[in-house]
Amino acid sequence: MTRVLVIEDHRLVAQGLELGLRAEGFEVRSTDGAPSALPGLLAEFPPDIVLLDLYLADRRLGIDLIPQLRAPGRSVILLTSETDPTVLARALEAGVDAVVGKTMPFPQLIRELVAIPRGQCVEAENRRRDVLRDARVAQLDRARRLALFAALTPREEQVLAMLVDGVLAADIAEAFYVSLSTVRSQIRSILAKLGVGSQLTAVSLAIKAGWAPRSPTGRPTEGAGPAPGAGAA
C-alpha cells in the first residue's frame, strides 16, 4: 500500500485529504510540519509520497523542509494555491518532483499521485515546463524594469527609498543635513533618469518593479551627522 504523508498546517484541509486518500486505498498520515516532530514521524512512517504545502504556520516555508524529506524512491509533491511562477520555480529548483494546485479536481490529483512517482505524468511535466518558462520570462521582465534604476547614484537611491516610505522632501533634507533645494534637485534628477514626471509616478514605478536600494537601508545612518560635502550632494 502506498504511503502518503500530508504536510499541511490547515487542519480541515489535512483531514479532508486524509479521508479522500484513504478512500482511494492510500495509507495516510498528516502533520503541520513542525520541525521538532518531523524527524520522528518520518522514521515511524516513511512515506512513498509527501504532499507538501508551501506556506506553513509561523511563516515557515514548506520548501525549507525538502532536505529532510528527500529520500531514495520518495516523491515530494508541492500542493499549493500559489500561482506565481517565480515562487513555484524556486520550489522545483529546491527539489520538489512536481507542483499541483489545491484547486485541482480530486480524481485528477489521485491520477497524478499514481503517475508522478513512475515518471509517467504528462500533465505534471507540462506544468513543470510551463512554470520554468514563465519564471524565466518574469525574471527577464523584472530585470528590464530594474535596469532603469541602475543610473541612480547611491544618494539618489536613498532619497527614492525614503520617498517610497512616504517621507516628505523637507524631512529628507533634515535627515541628510542638506538644504531643501538640494533634495528637490536630487528628486528632479531621479525623475529625469526614470523618465517620469512626478514623485508619485516614480514611487509607483519603484514599487511595481520590486526595486530596493543597493545600500542596506536606503536611509542615512542614525546619529552619523552630516557626511563630508553633504551640502553639495
Protein backbone atom coordinates (compact mmCIF):
# COMPACT_ATOMS: atom_id res chain seq x y z
CA MET A 1 0.00 0.00 0.00
CA THR A 2 1.37 3.43 -0.99
CA ARG A 3 2.14 5.64 1.98
CA VAL A 4 1.34 9.35 1.72
CA LEU A 5 2.44 11.97 4.23
CA VAL A 6 0.42 15.18 4.05
CA ILE A 7 2.23 18.25 5.41
CA GLU A 8 -0.46 20.88 5.80
CA ASP A 9 -0.99 23.32 8.68
CA HIS A 10 -4.69 23.89 7.95
CA ARG A 11 -6.31 21.08 9.91
CA LEU A 12 -9.55 20.90 7.92
CA VAL A 13 -7.66 20.70 4.63
CA ALA A 14 -5.37 18.00 6.05
CA GLN A 15 -8.32 15.96 7.34
CA GLY A 16 -10.10 16.26 4.01
CA LEU A 17 -7.04 14.98 2.16
CA GLU A 18 -6.59 12.14 4.64
CA LEU A 19 -10.17 10.95 4.24
CA GLY A 20 -10.14 11.24 0.47
CA LEU A 21 -6.80 9.49 0.02
CA ARG A 22 -7.70 6.65 2.38
CA ALA A 23 -10.89 6.08 0.42
CA GLU A 24 -8.69 5.61 -2.67
CA GLY A 25 -6.55 2.98 -0.96
CA PHE A 26 -3.59 5.05 0.26
CA GLU A 27 -2.14 4.77 3.74
CA VAL A 28 -2.07 8.34 5.03
CA ARG A 29 -0.71 10.40 7.89
CA SER A 30 -0.70 14.18 8.24
CA THR A 31 1.34 16.76 10.13
CA ASP A 32 1.66 20.51 10.34
CA GLY A 33 5.37 20.15 9.53
CA ALA A 34 6.69 21.27 12.92
CA PRO A 35 10.48 20.77 12.70
CA SER A 36 10.64 19.16 16.15
CA ALA A 37 8.18 16.39 15.28
CA LEU A 38 9.06 15.72 11.65
CA PRO A 39 12.17 13.50 12.07
CA GLY A 40 10.34 11.13 14.41
CA LEU A 41 7.32 10.93 12.13
CA LEU A 42 9.46 10.17 9.08
CA ALA A 43 11.20 7.38 10.99
CA GLU A 44 7.90 5.93 12.21
CA PHE A 45 6.04 6.40 8.93
CA PRO A 46 8.47 6.55 5.99
CA PRO A 47 6.26 7.76 3.15
CA ASP A 48 6.44 6.93 -0.53
CA ILE A 49 4.88 10.31 -1.37
CA VAL A 50 4.92 13.61 0.50
CA LEU A 51 2.19 16.14 -0.27
CA LEU A 52 3.79 19.36 0.88
CA ASP A 53 2.03 22.68 1.46
CA LEU A 54 4.08 25.74 0.52
CA TYR A 55 3.05 28.15 3.29
CA LEU A 56 3.01 26.67 6.77
CA ALA A 57 2.25 28.14 10.19
CA ASP A 58 4.63 30.62 11.86
CA ARG A 59 5.69 31.93 8.43
CA ARG A 60 7.55 28.71 7.67
CA LEU A 61 8.03 27.63 4.06
CA GLY A 62 7.43 24.04 3.06
CA ILE A 63 10.38 24.08 0.67
CA ASP A 64 12.70 24.57 3.65
CA LEU A 65 11.77 21.02 4.72
CA ILE A 66 12.83 19.42 1.44
CA PRO A 67 16.34 18.39 2.61
CA GLN A 68 14.69 16.41 5.42
CA LEU A 69 12.04 14.94 3.16
CA ARG A 70 14.13 13.74 0.24
CA ALA A 71 14.92 10.02 0.24
CA PRO A 72 15.53 7.35 -2.42
CA GLY A 73 12.29 6.24 -4.02
CA ARG A 74 10.28 9.04 -2.41
CA SER A 75 8.35 11.69 -4.35
CA VAL A 76 7.86 15.15 -2.87
CA ILE A 77 4.91 16.95 -4.45
CA LEU A 78 4.09 20.57 -3.72
CA LEU A 79 0.36 21.06 -3.15
CA THR A 80 -0.35 24.77 -3.18
CA SER A 81 -2.67 27.57 -4.20
CA GLU A 82 0.34 29.73 -5.15
CA THR A 83 0.39 30.72 -8.82
CA ASP A 84 3.47 32.98 -9.02
CA PRO A 85 5.79 31.13 -11.43
CA THR A 86 8.88 32.62 -9.79
CA VAL A 87 7.89 31.12 -6.43
CA LEU A 88 6.94 27.77 -7.97
CA ALA A 89 10.20 27.64 -9.92
CA ARG A 90 12.12 28.08 -6.65
CA ALA A 91 10.26 25.07 -5.28
CA LEU A 92 11.15 22.97 -8.32
CA GLU A 93 14.77 24.07 -8.09
CA ALA A 94 14.74 23.19 -4.37
CA GLY A 95 13.88 19.60 -5.25
CA VAL A 96 10.14 19.01 -5.41
CA ASP A 97 9.22 16.45 -8.05
CA ALA A 98 6.04 18.18 -9.17
CA VAL A 99 3.66 21.02 -8.42
CA VAL A 100 -0.09 20.52 -8.16
CA GLY A 101 -2.76 23.10 -7.39
CA LYS A 102 -5.13 22.91 -4.45
CA THR A 103 -7.98 23.65 -6.84
CA MET A 104 -7.21 20.54 -8.89
CA PRO A 105 -10.18 18.12 -9.08
CA PHE A 106 -9.61 15.29 -6.62
CA PRO A 107 -9.82 12.49 -9.24
CA GLN A 108 -7.04 14.20 -11.19
CA LEU A 109 -4.94 14.54 -8.03
CA ILE A 110 -5.26 10.79 -7.46
CA ARG A 111 -4.23 10.04 -11.05
CA GLU A 112 -1.17 12.26 -10.68
CA LEU A 113 -0.19 10.74 -7.33
CA VAL A 114 -0.10 7.37 -9.06
CA ALA A 115 1.69 8.58 -12.19
CA ILE A 116 4.28 11.06 -10.83
CA PRO A 117 6.40 8.52 -8.89
CA ARG A 118 6.58 6.43 -12.05
CA GLY A 119 7.65 9.40 -14.17
CA GLN A 120 4.53 8.92 -16.28
CA CYS A 121 2.57 12.11 -15.59
CA VAL A 122 2.45 14.17 -18.76
CA GLU A 123 0.36 16.90 -17.06
CA ALA A 124 2.93 17.34 -14.28
CA GLU A 125 5.81 17.50 -16.77
CA ASN A 126 3.97 20.06 -18.88
CA ARG A 127 3.25 22.08 -15.76
CA ARG A 128 6.94 21.98 -14.76
CA ARG A 129 7.96 23.18 -18.22
CA ASP A 130 5.39 26.00 -18.18
CA VAL A 131 6.38 27.14 -14.67
CA LEU A 132 10.08 27.30 -15.52
CA ARG A 133 9.36 29.11 -18.80
CA ASP A 134 7.06 31.65 -17.14
CA ALA A 135 9.58 32.19 -14.34
CA ARG A 136 12.31 32.98 -16.86
CA VAL A 137 10.02 35.44 -18.63
CA ALA A 138 9.14 37.08 -15.30
CA GLN A 139 12.80 37.35 -14.31
CA LEU A 140 13.73 38.95 -17.63
CA ASP A 141 10.84 41.40 -17.31
CA ARG A 142 11.86 42.33 -13.77
CA ALA A 143 15.48 42.81 -14.85
CA ARG A 144 14.29 45.10 -17.65
CA ARG A 145 12.22 47.17 -15.24
CA LEU A 146 15.03 47.38 -12.67
CA ALA A 147 17.55 48.46 -15.31
CA LEU A 148 16.00 51.95 -15.18
CA PHE A 149 17.21 52.36 -11.60
CA ALA A 150 20.84 51.45 -12.34
CA ALA A 151 21.63 55.06 -13.29
CA LEU A 152 20.75 56.39 -9.83
CA THR A 153 23.59 57.48 -7.57
CA PRO A 154 23.75 55.98 -4.06
CA ARG A 155 22.37 59.22 -2.60
CA GLU A 156 19.53 59.29 -5.16
CA GLU A 157 18.72 55.70 -4.23
CA GLN A 158 18.49 56.73 -0.58
CA VAL A 159 16.22 59.64 -1.45
CA LEU A 160 13.97 57.47 -3.60
CA ALA A 161 13.77 54.82 -0.87
CA MET A 162 12.59 57.48 1.57
CA LEU A 163 10.03 58.77 -0.93
CA VAL A 164 8.73 55.21 -1.26
CA ASP A 165 8.37 55.18 2.53
CA GLY A 166 6.28 58.36 2.31
CA VAL A 167 8.91 60.71 3.75
CA LEU A 168 8.46 64.33 2.69
CA ALA A 169 11.25 66.23 0.91
CA ALA A 170 11.67 68.60 3.86
CA ASP A 171 12.15 65.67 6.23
CA ILE A 172 14.63 64.04 3.84
CA ALA A 173 16.64 67.29 3.82
CA GLU A 174 16.66 67.33 7.62
CA ALA A 175 17.70 63.66 7.80
CA PHE A 176 20.62 64.20 5.42
CA TYR A 177 21.62 67.61 6.85
CA VAL A 178 21.21 69.29 3.44
CA SER A 179 19.04 72.09 2.15
CA LEU A 180 15.55 71.50 0.79
CA SER A 181 16.68 72.85 -2.58
CA THR A 182 19.39 70.15 -2.69
CA VAL A 183 16.82 67.42 -2.10
CA ARG A 184 14.49 68.89 -4.71
CA SER A 185 17.39 68.89 -7.16
CA GLN A 186 18.06 65.24 -6.36
CA ILE A 187 14.39 64.41 -6.88
CA ARG A 188 14.40 66.15 -10.27
CA SER A 189 17.43 64.08 -11.25
CA ILE A 190 15.66 60.89 -10.14
CA LEU A 191 12.59 61.75 -12.19
CA ALA A 192 14.71 62.52 -15.25
CA LYS A 193 16.65 59.27 -15.02
CA LEU A 194 13.46 57.23 -14.59
CA GLY A 195 11.72 59.11 -17.39
CA VAL A 196 8.72 60.11 -15.27
CA GLY A 197 7.10 63.43 -14.48
CA SER A 198 6.16 63.16 -10.80
CA GLN A 199 7.28 61.76 -7.47
CA LEU A 200 4.11 59.67 -7.30
CA THR A 201 4.89 58.02 -10.62
CA ALA A 202 8.50 57.37 -9.56
CA VAL A 203 7.33 55.76 -6.32
CA SER A 204 4.74 53.66 -8.17
CA LEU A 205 7.38 52.54 -10.67
CA ALA A 206 9.75 51.52 -7.88
CA ILE A 207 7.08 49.53 -6.06
CA LYS A 208 5.84 47.75 -9.19
CA ALA A 209 9.41 46.87 -10.20
CA GLY A 210 10.20 45.46 -6.76
CA TRP A 211 13.11 47.88 -6.56
CA ALA A 212 15.25 48.23 -3.43
CA PRO A 213 18.31 50.42 -2.84
CA ARG A 214 21.75 48.84 -3.02
CA SER A 215 22.59 50.22 0.42
CA PRO A 216 21.22 48.08 3.30
CA THR A 217 18.52 50.50 4.45
CA GLY A 218 18.35 53.31 1.93
CA ARG A 219 18.49 55.72 4.85
CA PRO A 220 21.24 57.77 6.47
CA THR A 221 22.95 56.14 9.44
CA GLU A 222 21.30 57.35 12.62
CA GLY A 223 23.47 59.75 14.55
CA ALA A 224 26.14 59.80 11.86
CA GLY A 225 25.96 63.56 11.37
CA PRO A 226 26.45 65.31 8.05
CA ALA A 227 28.60 63.48 5.53
CA PRO A 228 31.60 65.32 4.11
CA GLY A 229 30.41 67.61 1.37
CA ALA A 230 26.77 66.64 2.02
CA GLY A 231 25.53 70.16 1.42
CA ALA A 232 26.71 69.99 -2.18
CA ALA A 233 25.37 66.49 -2.87
